[in-house]
Amino acid sequence: MVVLAASIITKTGKPLMSRQYVTMSRIRIEGLLAAFPKLVGSGKQHTYVETENVRYVYQPLESLFLLLVTNKQSNILEDLDTLRLLSKLVPEYCQVTLNTYEHQPLDEEMIQ
């Protein structure tokens, strides 16, 4: 499994928090995150979207998305399991409301 980034973004694609696990430029990750909302169609039942280069595995959280960006060779079952784990950890460590965003840093050991 190769997770390129784990992020929390708004429905419009604005990143609130992102952690990259491989070396990539800021412009590249911002571009990937900004492109994601355009790829997600409304009413779809899937929790992943693939492009030519990456796979987005996501879960809606109120007005946000919890998002993993992986390479396409990554095992989708492991990716979904990682997303499930993150979806349990994020509410425990982050207080998310529509107007404010407060968080405590996530321990890297939790998601590695």
PDB file of N, CA and C in Angstrom:
ATOM      1  N   MET A   1       0.849  -1.175   0.000  1.00  0.00           N
ATOM      2  CA  MET A   1       0.000   0.000   0.000  1.00  0.00           C
ATOM      3  C   MET A   1       0.892   1.234   0.000  1.00  0.00           C
ATOM      4  N   VAL A   2       0.592   2.152  -0.909  1.00  0.00           N
ATOM      5  CA  VAL A   2       1.339   3.394  -0.963  1.00  0.00           C
ATOM      6  C   VAL A   2       0.348   4.549  -0.825  1.00  0.00           C
ATOM      7  N   VAL A   3       0.263   5.094   0.386  1.00  0.00           N
ATOM      8  CA  VAL A   3      -0.550   6.283   0.604  1.00  0.00           C
ATOM      9  C   VAL A   3       0.336   7.480   0.312  1.00  0.00           C
ATOM     10  N   LEU A   4      -0.066   8.256  -0.672  1.00  0.00           N
ATOM     11  CA  LEU A   4       0.690   9.453  -1.014  1.00  0.00           C
ATOM     12  C   LEU A   4       0.377  10.582  -0.041  1.00  0.00           C
ATOM     13  N   ALA A   5      -0.914  10.710   0.342  1.00  0.00           N
ATOM     14  CA  ALA A   5      -1.320  11.775   1.253  1.00  0.00           C
ATOM     15  C   ALA A   5      -2.612  11.392   1.951  1.00  0.00           C
ATOM     16  N   ALA A   6      -2.776  11.879   3.168  1.00  0.00           N
ATOM     17  CA  ALA A   6      -4.021  11.782   3.923  1.00  0.00           C
ATOM     18  C   ALA A   6      -4.440  13.219   4.200  1.00  0.00           C
ATOM     19  N   SER A   7      -5.695  13.541   3.870  1.00  0.00           N
ATOM     20  CA  SER A   7      -6.126  14.934   3.940  1.00  0.00           C
ATOM     21  C   SER A   7      -7.554  15.047   4.442  1.00  0.00           C
ATOM     22  N   ILE A   8      -7.852  16.223   4.973  1.00  0.00           N
ATOM     23  CA  ILE A   8      -9.218  16.633   5.257  1.00  0.00           C
ATOM     24  C   ILE A   8      -9.435  17.878   4.417  1.00  0.00           C
ATOM     25  N   ILE A   9     -10.441  17.824   3.540  1.00  0.00           N
ATOM     26  CA  ILE A   9     -10.710  18.947   2.645  1.00  0.00           C
ATOM     27  C   ILE A   9     -12.185  19.317   2.715  1.00  0.00           C
ATOM     28  N   THR A  10     -12.486  20.548   2.294  1.00  0.00           N
ATOM     29  CA  THR A  10     -13.876  20.975   2.204  1.00  0.00           C
ATOM     30  C   THR A  10     -14.500  20.375   0.957  1.00  0.00           C
ATOM     31  N   LYS A  11     -15.806  20.501   0.833  1.00  0.00           N
ATOM     32  CA  LYS A  11     -16.506  19.977  -0.346  1.00  0.00           C
ATOM     33  C   LYS A  11     -16.071  20.702  -1.621  1.00  0.00           C
ATOM     34  N   THR A  12     -15.490  21.905  -1.473  1.00  0.00           N
ATOM     35  CA  THR A  12     -15.016  22.649  -2.638  1.00  0.00           C
ATOM     36  C   THR A  12     -13.565  22.343  -2.979  1.00  0.00           C
ATOM     37  N   GLY A  13     -12.880  21.564  -2.141  1.00  0.00           N
ATOM     38  CA  GLY A  13     -11.507  21.163  -2.430  1.00  0.00           C
ATOM     39  C   GLY A  13     -10.451  21.932  -1.665  1.00  0.00           C
ATOM     40  N   LYS A  14     -10.856  22.813  -0.757  1.00  0.00           N
ATOM     41  CA  LYS A  14      -9.877  23.565   0.031  1.00  0.00           C
ATOM     42  C   LYS A  14      -9.305  22.653   1.118  1.00  0.00           C
ATOM     43  N   PRO A  15      -7.985  22.469   1.134  1.00  0.00           N
ATOM     44  CA  PRO A  15      -7.392  21.595   2.154  1.00  0.00           C
ATOM     45  C   PRO A  15      -7.376  22.266   3.523  1.00  0.00           C
ATOM     46  N   LEU A  16      -7.855  21.550   4.535  1.00  0.00           N
ATOM     47  CA  LEU A  16      -7.775  22.024   5.911  1.00  0.00           C
ATOM     48  C   LEU A  16      -6.569  21.424   6.607  1.00  0.00           C
ATOM     49  N   MET A  17      -6.275  20.180   6.270  1.00  0.00           N
ATOM     50  CA  MET A  17      -5.129  19.495   6.841  1.00  0.00           C
ATOM     51  C   MET A  17      -4.701  18.419   5.856  1.00  0.00           C
ATOM     52  N   SER A  18      -3.399  18.297   5.662  1.00  0.00           N
ATOM     53  CA  SER A  18      -2.902  17.275   4.758  1.00  0.00           C
ATOM     54  C   SER A  18      -1.523  16.833   5.219  1.00  0.00           C
ATOM     55  N   ARG A  19      -1.285  15.538   5.115  1.00  0.00           N
ATOM     56  CA  ARG A  19       0.017  14.972   5.468  1.00  0.00           C
ATOM     57  C   ARG A  19       0.467  14.128   4.297  1.00  0.00           C
ATOM     58  N   GLN A  20       1.618  14.475   3.718  1.00  0.00           N
ATOM     59  CA  GLN A  20       2.159  13.726   2.601  1.00  0.00           C
ATOM     60  C   GLN A  20       3.151  12.684   3.115  1.00  0.00           C
ATOM     61  N   TYR A  21       3.110  11.499   2.518  1.00  0.00           N
ATOM     62  CA  TYR A  21       3.988  10.409   2.932  1.00  0.00           C
ATOM     63  C   TYR A  21       5.056  10.099   1.893  1.00  0.00           C
ATOM     64  N   VAL A  22       5.049  10.829   0.810  1.00  0.00           N
ATOM     65  CA  VAL A  22       6.099  10.760  -0.194  1.00  0.00           C
ATOM     66  C   VAL A  22       6.466  12.193  -0.554  1.00  0.00           C
ATOM     67  N   THR A  23       7.637  12.360  -1.127  1.00  0.00           N
ATOM     68  CA  THR A  23       8.069  13.693  -1.515  1.00  0.00           C
ATOM     69  C   THR A  23       7.272  14.148  -2.733  1.00  0.00           C
ATOM     70  N   MET A  24       6.562  15.250  -2.561  1.00  0.00           N
ATOM     71  CA  MET A  24       5.849  15.857  -3.682  1.00  0.00           C
ATOM     72  C   MET A  24       5.742  17.348  -3.426  1.00  0.00           C
ATOM     73  N   SER A  25       5.705  18.113  -4.492  1.00  0.00           N
ATOM     74  CA  SER A  25       5.664  19.563  -4.346  1.00  0.00           C
ATOM     75  C   SER A  25       4.303  20.012  -3.815  1.00  0.00           C
ATOM     76  N   ARG A  26       4.304  21.179  -3.220  1.00  0.00           N
ATOM     77  CA  ARG A  26       3.063  21.743  -2.699  1.00  0.00           C
ATOM     78  C   ARG A  26       2.059  21.970  -3.824  1.00  0.00           C
ATOM     79  N   ILE A  27       2.546  22.414  -4.959  1.00  0.00           N
ATOM     80  CA  ILE A  27       1.664  22.660  -6.095  1.00  0.00           C
ATOM     81  C   ILE A  27       0.999  21.365  -6.549  1.00  0.00           C
ATOM     82  N   ARG A  28       1.747  20.281  -6.545  1.00  0.00           N
ATOM     83  CA  ARG A  28       1.198  18.983  -6.969  1.00  0.00           C
ATOM     84  C   ARG A  28       0.092  18.516  -6.032  1.00  0.00           C
ATOM     85  N   ILE A  29       0.328  18.563  -4.716  1.00  0.00           N
ATOM     86  CA  ILE A  29      -0.699  18.086  -3.787  1.00  0.00           C
ATOM     87  C   ILE A  29      -1.909  19.009  -3.799  1.00  0.00           C
ATOM     88  N   GLU A  30      -1.690  20.309  -3.890  1.00  0.00           N
ATOM     89  CA  GLU A  30      -2.827  21.235  -3.962  1.00  0.00           C
ATOM     90  C   GLU A  30      -3.640  20.992  -5.228  1.00  0.00           C
ATOM     91  N   GLY A  31      -2.965  20.681  -6.323  1.00  0.00           N
ATOM     92  CA  GLY A  31      -3.667  20.362  -7.568  1.00  0.00           C
ATOM     93  C   GLY A  31      -4.490  19.090  -7.455  1.00  0.00           C
ATOM     94  N   LEU A  32      -3.908  18.056  -6.836  1.00  0.00           N
ATOM     95  CA  LEU A  32      -4.642  16.807  -6.643  1.00  0.00           C
ATOM     96  C   LEU A  32      -5.869  17.017  -5.763  1.00  0.00           C
ATOM     97  N   LEU A  33      -5.704  17.769  -4.686  1.00  0.00           N
ATOM     98  CA  LEU A  33      -6.821  18.010  -3.775  1.00  0.00           C
ATOM     99  C   LEU A  33      -7.896  18.887  -4.410  1.00  0.00           C
ATOM    100  N   ALA A  34      -7.491  19.882  -5.193  1.00  0.00           N
ATOM    101  CA  ALA A  34      -8.458  20.760  -5.856  1.00  0.00           C
ATOM    102  C   ALA A  34      -9.244  20.015  -6.937  1.00  0.00           C
ATOM    103  N   ALA A  35      -8.620  19.029  -7.574  1.00  0.00           N
ATOM    104  CA  ALA A  35      -9.285  18.276  -8.638  1.00  0.00           C
ATOM    105  C   ALA A  35     -10.304  17.283  -8.092  1.00  0.00           C
ATOM    106  N   PHE A  36     -10.148  16.861  -6.871  1.00  0.00           N
ATOM    107  CA  PHE A  36     -10.989  15.802  -6.315  1.00  0.00           C
ATOM    108  C   PHE A  36     -12.486  16.113  -6.351  1.00  0.00           C
ATOM    109  N   PRO A  37     -12.955  17.279  -5.867  1.00  0.00           N
ATOM    110  CA  PRO A  37     -14.412  17.508  -5.859  1.00  0.00           C
ATOM    111  C   PRO A  37     -15.050  17.448  -7.250  1.00  0.00           C
ATOM    112  N   LYS A  38     -14.303  17.779  -8.275  1.00  0.00           N
ATOM    113  CA  LYS A  38     -14.832  17.721  -9.642  1.00  0.00           C
ATOM    114  C   LYS A  38     -15.026  16.277 -10.102  1.00  0.00           C
ATOM    115  N   LEU A  39     -14.271  15.359  -9.520  1.00  0.00           N
ATOM    116  CA  LEU A  39     -14.350  13.955  -9.914  1.00  0.00           C
ATOM    117  C   LEU A  39     -15.474  13.204  -9.205  1.00  0.00           C
ATOM    118  N   VAL A  40     -15.888  13.715  -8.062  1.00  0.00           N
ATOM    119  CA  VAL A  40     -16.917  13.046  -7.271  1.00  0.00           C
ATOM    120  C   VAL A  40     -18.279  13.499  -7.767  1.00  0.00           C
ATOM    121  N   GLY A  41     -19.035  12.589  -8.313  1.00  0.00           N
ATOM    122  CA  GLY A  41     -20.382  12.915  -8.759  1.00  0.00           C
ATOM    123  C   GLY A  41     -21.363  12.803  -7.607  1.00  0.00           C
ATOM    124  N   SER A  42     -22.363  13.625  -7.619  1.00  0.00           N
ATOM    125  CA  SER A  42     -23.361  13.565  -6.553  1.00  0.00           C
ATOM    126  C   SER A  42     -24.202  12.307  -6.709  1.00  0.00           C
ATOM    127  N   GLY A  43     -24.567  11.717  -5.595  1.00  0.00           N
ATOM    128  CA  GLY A  43     -25.410  10.536  -5.603  1.00  0.00           C
ATOM    129  C   GLY A  43     -24.689   9.230  -5.862  1.00  0.00           C
ATOM    130  N   LYS A  44     -23.381   9.249  -6.009  1.00  0.00           N
ATOM    131  CA  LYS A  44     -22.636   8.015  -6.251  1.00  0.00           C
ATOM    132  C   LYS A  44     -22.469   7.251  -4.941  1.00  0.00           C
ATOM    133  N   GLN A  45     -22.454   5.947  -5.042  1.00  0.00           N
ATOM    134  CA  GLN A  45     -22.334   5.092  -3.873  1.00  0.00           C
ATOM    135  C   GLN A  45     -20.907   4.610  -3.623  1.00  0.00           C
ATOM    136  N   HIS A  46     -19.984   4.940  -4.521  1.00  0.00           N
ATOM    137  CA  HIS A  46     -18.611   4.475  -4.381  1.00  0.00           C
ATOM    138  C   HIS A  46     -17.856   5.325  -3.369  1.00  0.00           C
ATOM    139  N   THR A  47     -16.799   4.766  -2.805  1.00  0.00           N
ATOM    140  CA  THR A  47     -15.952   5.512  -1.873  1.00  0.00           C
ATOM    141  C   THR A  47     -14.563   5.722  -2.451  1.00  0.00           C
ATOM    142  N   TYR A  48     -14.430   5.550  -3.757  1.00  0.00           N
ATOM    143  CA  TYR A  48     -13.146   5.820  -4.397  1.00  0.00           C
ATOM    144  C   TYR A  48     -13.375   6.327  -5.819  1.00  0.00           C
ATOM    145  N   VAL A  49     -12.394   7.074  -6.301  1.00  0.00           N
ATOM    146  CA  VAL A  49     -12.388   7.585  -7.674  1.00  0.00           C
ATOM    147  C   VAL A  49     -10.973   7.416  -8.187  1.00  0.00           C
ATOM    148  N   GLU A  50     -10.834   6.957  -9.424  1.00  0.00           N
ATOM    149  CA  GLU A  50      -9.508   6.786 -10.013  1.00  0.00           C
ATOM    150  C   GLU A  50      -9.299   7.763 -11.160  1.00  0.00           C
ATOM    151  N   THR A  51      -8.078   8.260 -11.254  1.00  0.00           N
ATOM    152  CA  THR A  51      -7.673   9.042 -12.410  1.00  0.00           C
ATOM    153  C   THR A  51      -6.568   8.255 -13.108  1.00  0.00           C
ATOM    154  N   GLU A  52      -5.931   8.867 -14.063  1.00  0.00           N
ATOM    155  CA  GLU A  52      -4.862   8.184 -14.791  1.00  0.00           C
ATOM    156  C   GLU A  52      -3.687   7.838 -13.882  1.00  0.00           C
ATOM    157  N   ASN A  53      -3.407   8.709 -12.881  1.00  0.00           N
ATOM    158  CA  ASN A  53      -2.209   8.529 -12.056  1.00  0.00           C
ATOM    159  C   ASN A  53      -2.468   8.117 -10.616  1.00  0.00           C
ATOM    160  N   VAL A  54      -3.584   8.506 -10.038  1.00  0.00           N
ATOM    161  CA  VAL A  54      -3.817   8.259  -8.613  1.00  0.00           C
ATOM    162  C   VAL A  54      -5.223   7.729  -8.370  1.00  0.00           C
ATOM    163  N   ARG A  55      -5.397   7.220  -7.176  1.00  0.00           N
ATOM    164  CA  ARG A  55      -6.715   6.788  -6.704  1.00  0.00           C
ATOM    165  C   ARG A  55      -7.046   7.636  -5.473  1.00  0.00           C
ATOM    166  N   TYR A  56      -8.254   8.158  -5.441  1.00  0.00           N
ATOM    167  CA  TYR A  56      -8.755   8.884  -4.277  1.00  0.00           C
ATOM    168  C   TYR A  56      -9.704   7.956  -3.536  1.00  0.00           C
ATOM    169  N   VAL A  57      -9.431   7.698  -2.279  1.00  0.00           N
ATOM    170  CA  VAL A  57     -10.312   6.907  -1.430  1.00  0.00           C
ATOM    171  C   VAL A  57     -10.837   7.884  -0.388  1.00  0.00           C
ATOM    172  N   TYR A  58     -12.156   7.993  -0.272  1.00  0.00           N
ATOM    173  CA  TYR A  58     -12.701   9.077   0.541  1.00  0.00           C
ATOM    174  C   TYR A  58     -13.911   8.648   1.359  1.00  0.00           C
ATOM    175  N   GLN A  59     -14.201   9.484   2.352  1.00  0.00           N
ATOM    176  CA  GLN A  59     -15.403   9.326   3.161  1.00  0.00           C
ATOM    177  C   GLN A  59     -15.907  10.716   3.508  1.00  0.00           C
ATOM    178  N   PRO A  60     -17.186  11.003   3.258  1.00  0.00           N
ATOM    179  CA  PRO A  60     -17.725  12.302   3.652  1.00  0.00           C
ATOM    180  C   PRO A  60     -17.794  12.420   5.174  1.00  0.00           C
ATOM    181  N   LEU A  61     -17.446  13.607   5.682  1.00  0.00           N
ATOM    182  CA  LEU A  61     -17.557  13.933   7.108  1.00  0.00           C
ATOM    183  C   LEU A  61     -18.286  15.267   7.214  1.00  0.00           C
ATOM    184  N   GLU A  62     -19.573  15.249   7.501  1.00  0.00           N
ATOM    185  CA  GLU A  62     -20.383  16.460   7.563  1.00  0.00           C
ATOM    186  C   GLU A  62     -20.189  17.276   6.284  1.00  0.00           C
ATOM    187  N   SER A  63     -19.563  18.440   6.371  1.00  0.00           N
ATOM    188  CA  SER A  63     -19.359  19.279   5.189  1.00  0.00           C
ATOM    189  C   SER A  63     -17.950  19.122   4.623  1.00  0.00           C
ATOM    190  N   LEU A  64     -17.266  18.049   5.019  1.00  0.00           N
ATOM    191  CA  LEU A  64     -15.878  17.825   4.627  1.00  0.00           C
ATOM    192  C   LEU A  64     -15.717  16.447   4.001  1.00  0.00           C
ATOM    193  N   PHE A  65     -14.529  16.212   3.471  1.00  0.00           N
ATOM    194  CA  PHE A  65     -14.136  14.876   3.015  1.00  0.00           C
ATOM    195  C   PHE A  65     -12.879  14.458   3.752  1.00  0.00           C
ATOM    196  N   LEU A  66     -12.854  13.226   4.231  1.00  0.00           N
ATOM    197  CA  LEU A  66     -11.631  12.580   4.682  1.00  0.00           C
ATOM    198  C   LEU A  66     -11.116  11.839   3.455  1.00  0.00           C
ATOM    199  N   LEU A  67      -9.879  12.116   3.068  1.00  0.00           N
ATOM    200  CA  LEU A  67      -9.398  11.682   1.766  1.00  0.00           C
ATOM    201  C   LEU A  67      -8.016  11.058   1.862  1.00  0.00           C
ATOM    202  N   LEU A  68      -7.855   9.901   1.232  1.00  0.00           N
ATOM    203  CA  LEU A  68      -6.546   9.292   1.030  1.00  0.00           C
ATOM    204  C   LEU A  68      -6.233   9.367  -0.458  1.00  0.00           C
ATOM    205  N   VAL A  69      -5.042   9.815  -0.789  1.00  0.00           N
ATOM    206  CA  VAL A  69      -4.575   9.808  -2.167  1.00  0.00           C
ATOM    207  C   VAL A  69      -3.530   8.704  -2.241  1.00  0.00           C
ATOM    208  N   THR A  70      -3.785   7.709  -3.094  1.00  0.00           N
ATOM    209  CA  THR A  70      -2.883   6.565  -3.215  1.00  0.00           C
ATOM    210  C   THR A  70      -2.475   6.393  -4.665  1.00  0.00           C
ATOM    211  N   ASN A  71      -1.446   5.560  -4.875  1.00  0.00           N
ATOM    212  CA  ASN A  71      -1.133   5.230  -6.268  1.00  0.00           C
ATOM    213  C   ASN A  71      -2.100   4.139  -6.723  1.00  0.00           C
ATOM    214  N   LYS A  72      -2.182   3.925  -8.013  1.00  0.00           N
ATOM    215  CA  LYS A  72      -3.157   2.971  -8.538  1.00  0.00           C
ATOM    216  C   LYS A  72      -2.770   1.513  -8.289  1.00  0.00           C
ATOM    217  N   GLN A  73      -1.501   1.268  -7.976  1.00  0.00           N
ATOM    218  CA  GLN A  73      -1.069  -0.097  -7.702  1.00  0.00           C
ATOM    219  C   GLN A  73      -1.369  -0.513  -6.259  1.00  0.00           C
ATOM    220  N   SER A  74      -1.811   0.427  -5.464  1.00  0.00           N
ATOM    221  CA  SER A  74      -2.106   0.165  -4.066  1.00  0.00           C
ATOM    222  C   SER A  74      -3.297  -0.788  -3.939  1.00  0.00           C
ATOM    223  N   ASN A  75      -3.297  -1.599  -2.903  1.00  0.00           N
ATOM    224  CA  ASN A  75      -4.372  -2.550  -2.647  1.00  0.00           C
ATOM    225  C   ASN A  75      -5.594  -1.791  -2.130  1.00  0.00           C
ATOM    226  N   ILE A  76      -6.689  -1.827  -2.873  1.00  0.00           N
ATOM    227  CA  ILE A  76      -7.884  -1.053  -2.517  1.00  0.00           C
ATOM    228  C   ILE A  76      -8.470  -1.506  -1.181  1.00  0.00           C
ATOM    229  N   LEU A  77      -8.377  -2.786  -0.856  1.00  0.00           N
ATOM    230  CA  LEU A  77      -8.909  -3.261   0.424  1.00  0.00           C
ATOM    231  C   LEU A  77      -8.105  -2.699   1.598  1.00  0.00           C
ATOM    232  N   GLU A  78      -6.794  -2.649   1.458  1.00  0.00           N
ATOM    233  CA  GLU A  78      -5.963  -2.047   2.498  1.00  0.00           C
ATOM    234  C   GLU A  78      -6.226  -0.545   2.596  1.00  0.00           C
ATOM    235  N   ASP A  79      -6.433   0.096   1.457  1.00  0.00           N
ATOM    236  CA  ASP A  79      -6.733   1.523   1.449  1.00  0.00           C
ATOM    237  C   ASP A  79      -8.045   1.805   2.192  1.00  0.00           C
ATOM    238  N   LEU A  80      -9.057   1.005   1.928  1.00  0.00           N
ATOM    239  CA  LEU A  80     -10.345   1.178   2.599  1.00  0.00           C
ATOM    240  C   LEU A  80     -10.227   0.930   4.098  1.00  0.00           C
ATOM    241  N   ASP A  81      -9.400  -0.037   4.478  1.00  0.00           N
ATOM    242  CA  ASP A  81      -9.178  -0.311   5.892  1.00  0.00           C
ATOM    243  C   ASP A  81      -8.462   0.864   6.569  1.00  0.00           C
ATOM    244  N   THR A  82      -7.487   1.452   5.885  1.00  0.00           N
ATOM    245  CA  THR A  82      -6.779   2.623   6.403  1.00  0.00           C
ATOM    246  C   THR A  82      -7.745   3.797   6.546  1.00  0.00           C
ATOM    247  N   LEU A  83      -8.605   3.989   5.565  1.00  0.00           N
ATOM    248  CA  LEU A  83      -9.598   5.057   5.630  1.00  0.00           C
ATOM    249  C   LEU A  83     -10.550   4.840   6.803  1.00  0.00           C
ATOM    250  N   ARG A  84     -10.966   3.608   7.015  1.00  0.00           N
ATOM    251  CA  ARG A  84     -11.850   3.290   8.136  1.00  0.00           C
ATOM    252  C   ARG A  84     -11.185   3.637   9.465  1.00  0.00           C
ATOM    253  N   LEU A  85      -9.903   3.303   9.597  1.00  0.00           N
ATOM    254  CA  LEU A  85      -9.159   3.628  10.811  1.00  0.00           C
ATOM    255  C   LEU A  85      -9.076   5.143  11.006  1.00  0.00           C
ATOM    256  N   LEU A  86      -8.746   5.862   9.949  1.00  0.00           N
ATOM    257  CA  LEU A  86      -8.676   7.324  10.042  1.00  0.00           C
ATOM    258  C   LEU A  86     -10.023   7.931  10.381  1.00  0.00           C
ATOM    259  N   SER A  87     -11.092   7.371   9.845  1.00  0.00           N
ATOM    260  CA  SER A  87     -12.424   7.917  10.119  1.00  0.00           C
ATOM    261  C   SER A  87     -12.817   7.743  11.583  1.00  0.00           C
ATOM    262  N   LYS A  88     -12.202   6.796  12.258  1.00  0.00           N
ATOM    263  CA  LYS A  88     -12.429   6.645  13.704  1.00  0.00           C
ATOM    264  C   LYS A  88     -11.545   7.590  14.508  1.00  0.00           C
ATOM    265  N   LEU A  89     -10.323   7.832  14.019  1.00  0.00           N
ATOM    266  CA  LEU A  89      -9.380   8.676  14.750  1.00  0.00           C
ATOM    267  C   LEU A  89      -9.677  10.168  14.630  1.00  0.00           C
ATOM    268  N   VAL A  90     -10.082  10.608  13.456  1.00  0.00           N
ATOM    269  CA  VAL A  90     -10.269  12.040  13.224  1.00  0.00           C
ATOM    270  C   VAL A  90     -11.297  12.650  14.174  1.00  0.00           C
ATOM    271  N   PRO A  91     -12.494  12.082  14.343  1.00  0.00           N
ATOM    272  CA  PRO A  91     -13.442  12.698  15.280  1.00  0.00           C
ATOM    273  C   PRO A  91     -12.938  12.702  16.729  1.00  0.00           C
ATOM    274  N   GLU A  92     -12.087  11.725  17.047  1.00  0.00           N
ATOM    275  CA  GLU A  92     -11.547  11.652  18.401  1.00  0.00           C
ATOM    276  C   GLU A  92     -10.554  12.779  18.670  1.00  0.00           C
ATOM    277  N   TYR A  93      -9.787  13.180  17.663  1.00  0.00           N
ATOM    278  CA  TYR A  93      -8.740  14.176  17.842  1.00  0.00           C
ATOM    279  C   TYR A  93      -9.071  15.550  17.273  1.00  0.00           C
ATOM    280  N   CYS A  94     -10.104  15.649  16.478  1.00  0.00           N
ATOM    281  CA  CYS A  94     -10.444  16.925  15.839  1.00  0.00           C
ATOM    282  C   CYS A  94     -11.868  17.320  16.182  1.00  0.00           C
ATOM    283  N   GLN A  95     -12.060  18.585  16.457  1.00  0.00           N
ATOM    284  CA  GLN A  95     -13.393  19.148  16.617  1.00  0.00           C
ATOM    285  C   GLN A  95     -13.672  19.968  15.373  1.00  0.00           C
ATOM    286  N   VAL A  96     -14.605  19.513  14.541  1.00  0.00           N
ATOM    287  CA  VAL A  96     -14.889  20.174  13.280  1.00  0.00           C
ATOM    288  C   VAL A  96     -16.279  20.791  13.341  1.00  0.00           C
ATOM    289  N   THR A  97     -16.353  22.091  13.083  1.00  0.00           N
ATOM    290  CA  THR A  97     -17.635  22.758  12.926  1.00  0.00           C
ATOM    291  C   THR A  97     -17.587  23.526  11.625  1.00  0.00           C
ATOM    292  N   LEU A  98     -18.705  24.117  11.239  1.00  0.00           N
ATOM    293  CA  LEU A  98     -18.741  24.825   9.963  1.00  0.00           C
ATOM    294  C   LEU A  98     -17.892  26.085   9.969  1.00  0.00           C
ATOM    295  N   ASN A  99     -17.751  26.742  11.113  1.00  0.00           N
ATOM    296  CA  ASN A  99     -17.059  28.028  11.148  1.00  0.00           C
ATOM    297  C   ASN A  99     -15.645  27.953  11.699  1.00  0.00           C
ATOM    298  N   THR A 100     -15.331  26.932  12.451  1.00  0.00           N
ATOM    299  CA  THR A 100     -14.001  26.847  13.040  1.00  0.00           C
ATOM    300  C   THR A 100     -13.413  25.472  12.793  1.00  0.00           C
ATOM    301  N   TYR A 101     -12.135  25.414  12.894  1.00  0.00           N
ATOM    302  CA  TYR A 101     -11.438  24.143  12.741  1.00  0.00           C
ATOM    303  C   TYR A 101     -10.322  24.122  13.756  1.00  0.00           C
ATOM    304  N   GLU A 102     -10.454  23.271  14.747  1.00  0.00           N
ATOM    305  CA  GLU A 102      -9.435  23.122  15.764  1.00  0.00           C
ATOM    306  C   GLU A 102      -8.978  21.672  15.750  1.00  0.00           C
ATOM    307  N   HIS A 103      -7.686  21.475  15.906  1.00  0.00           N
ATOM    308  CA  HIS A 103      -7.204  20.100  15.912  1.00  0.00           C
ATOM    309  C   HIS A 103      -5.980  19.959  16.789  1.00  0.00           C
ATOM    310  N   GLN A 104      -5.772  18.731  17.208  1.00  0.00           N
ATOM    311  CA  GLN A 104      -4.538  18.343  17.861  1.00  0.00           C
ATOM    312  C   GLN A 104      -3.788  17.514  16.831  1.00  0.00           C
ATOM    313  N   PRO A 105      -2.470  17.638  16.774  1.00  0.00           N
ATOM    314  CA  PRO A 105      -1.726  16.866  15.770  1.00  0.00           C
ATOM    315  C   PRO A 105      -1.964  15.369  15.935  1.00  0.00           C
ATOM    316  N   LEU A 106      -2.196  14.691  14.823  1.00  0.00           N
ATOM    317  CA  LEU A 106      -2.343  13.240  14.841  1.00  0.00           C
ATOM    318  C   LEU A 106      -0.966  12.607  14.982  1.00  0.00           C
ATOM    319  N   ASP A 107      -0.887  11.601  15.760  1.00  0.00           N
ATOM    320  CA  ASP A 107       0.361  10.877  15.955  1.00  0.00           C
ATOM    321  C   ASP A 107       0.634  10.050  14.701  1.00  0.00           C
ATOM    322  N   GLU A 108       1.835  10.165  14.149  1.00  0.00           N
ATOM    323  CA  GLU A 108       2.173   9.426  12.934  1.00  0.00           C
ATOM    324  C   GLU A 108       2.056   7.913  13.140  1.00  0.00           C
ATOM    325  N   GLU A 109       2.292   7.447  14.345  1.00  0.00           N
ATOM    326  CA  GLU A 109       2.223   6.015  14.608  1.00  0.00           C
ATOM    327  C   GLU A 109       0.821   5.467  14.365  1.00  0.00           C
ATOM    328  N   MET A 110      -0.201   6.305  14.521  1.00  0.00           N
ATOM    329  CA  MET A 110      -1.573   5.841  14.361  1.00  0.00           C
ATOM    330  C   MET A 110      -1.892   5.466  12.922  1.00  0.00           C
ATOM    331  N   ILE A 111      -1.250   6.146  11.973  1.00  0.00           N
ATOM    332  CA  ILE A 111      -1.637   5.937  10.587  1.00  0.00           C
ATOM    333  C   ILE A 111      -0.540   5.277   9.761  1.00  0.00           C
ATOM    334  N   GLN A 112       0.493   4.788  10.391  1.00  0.00           N
ATOM    335  CA  GLN A 112       1.534   4.088   9.643  1.00  0.00           C
ATOM    336  C   GLN A 112       1.419   2.607   9.844  1.00  0.00           C
TER     337      GLN A 112
END
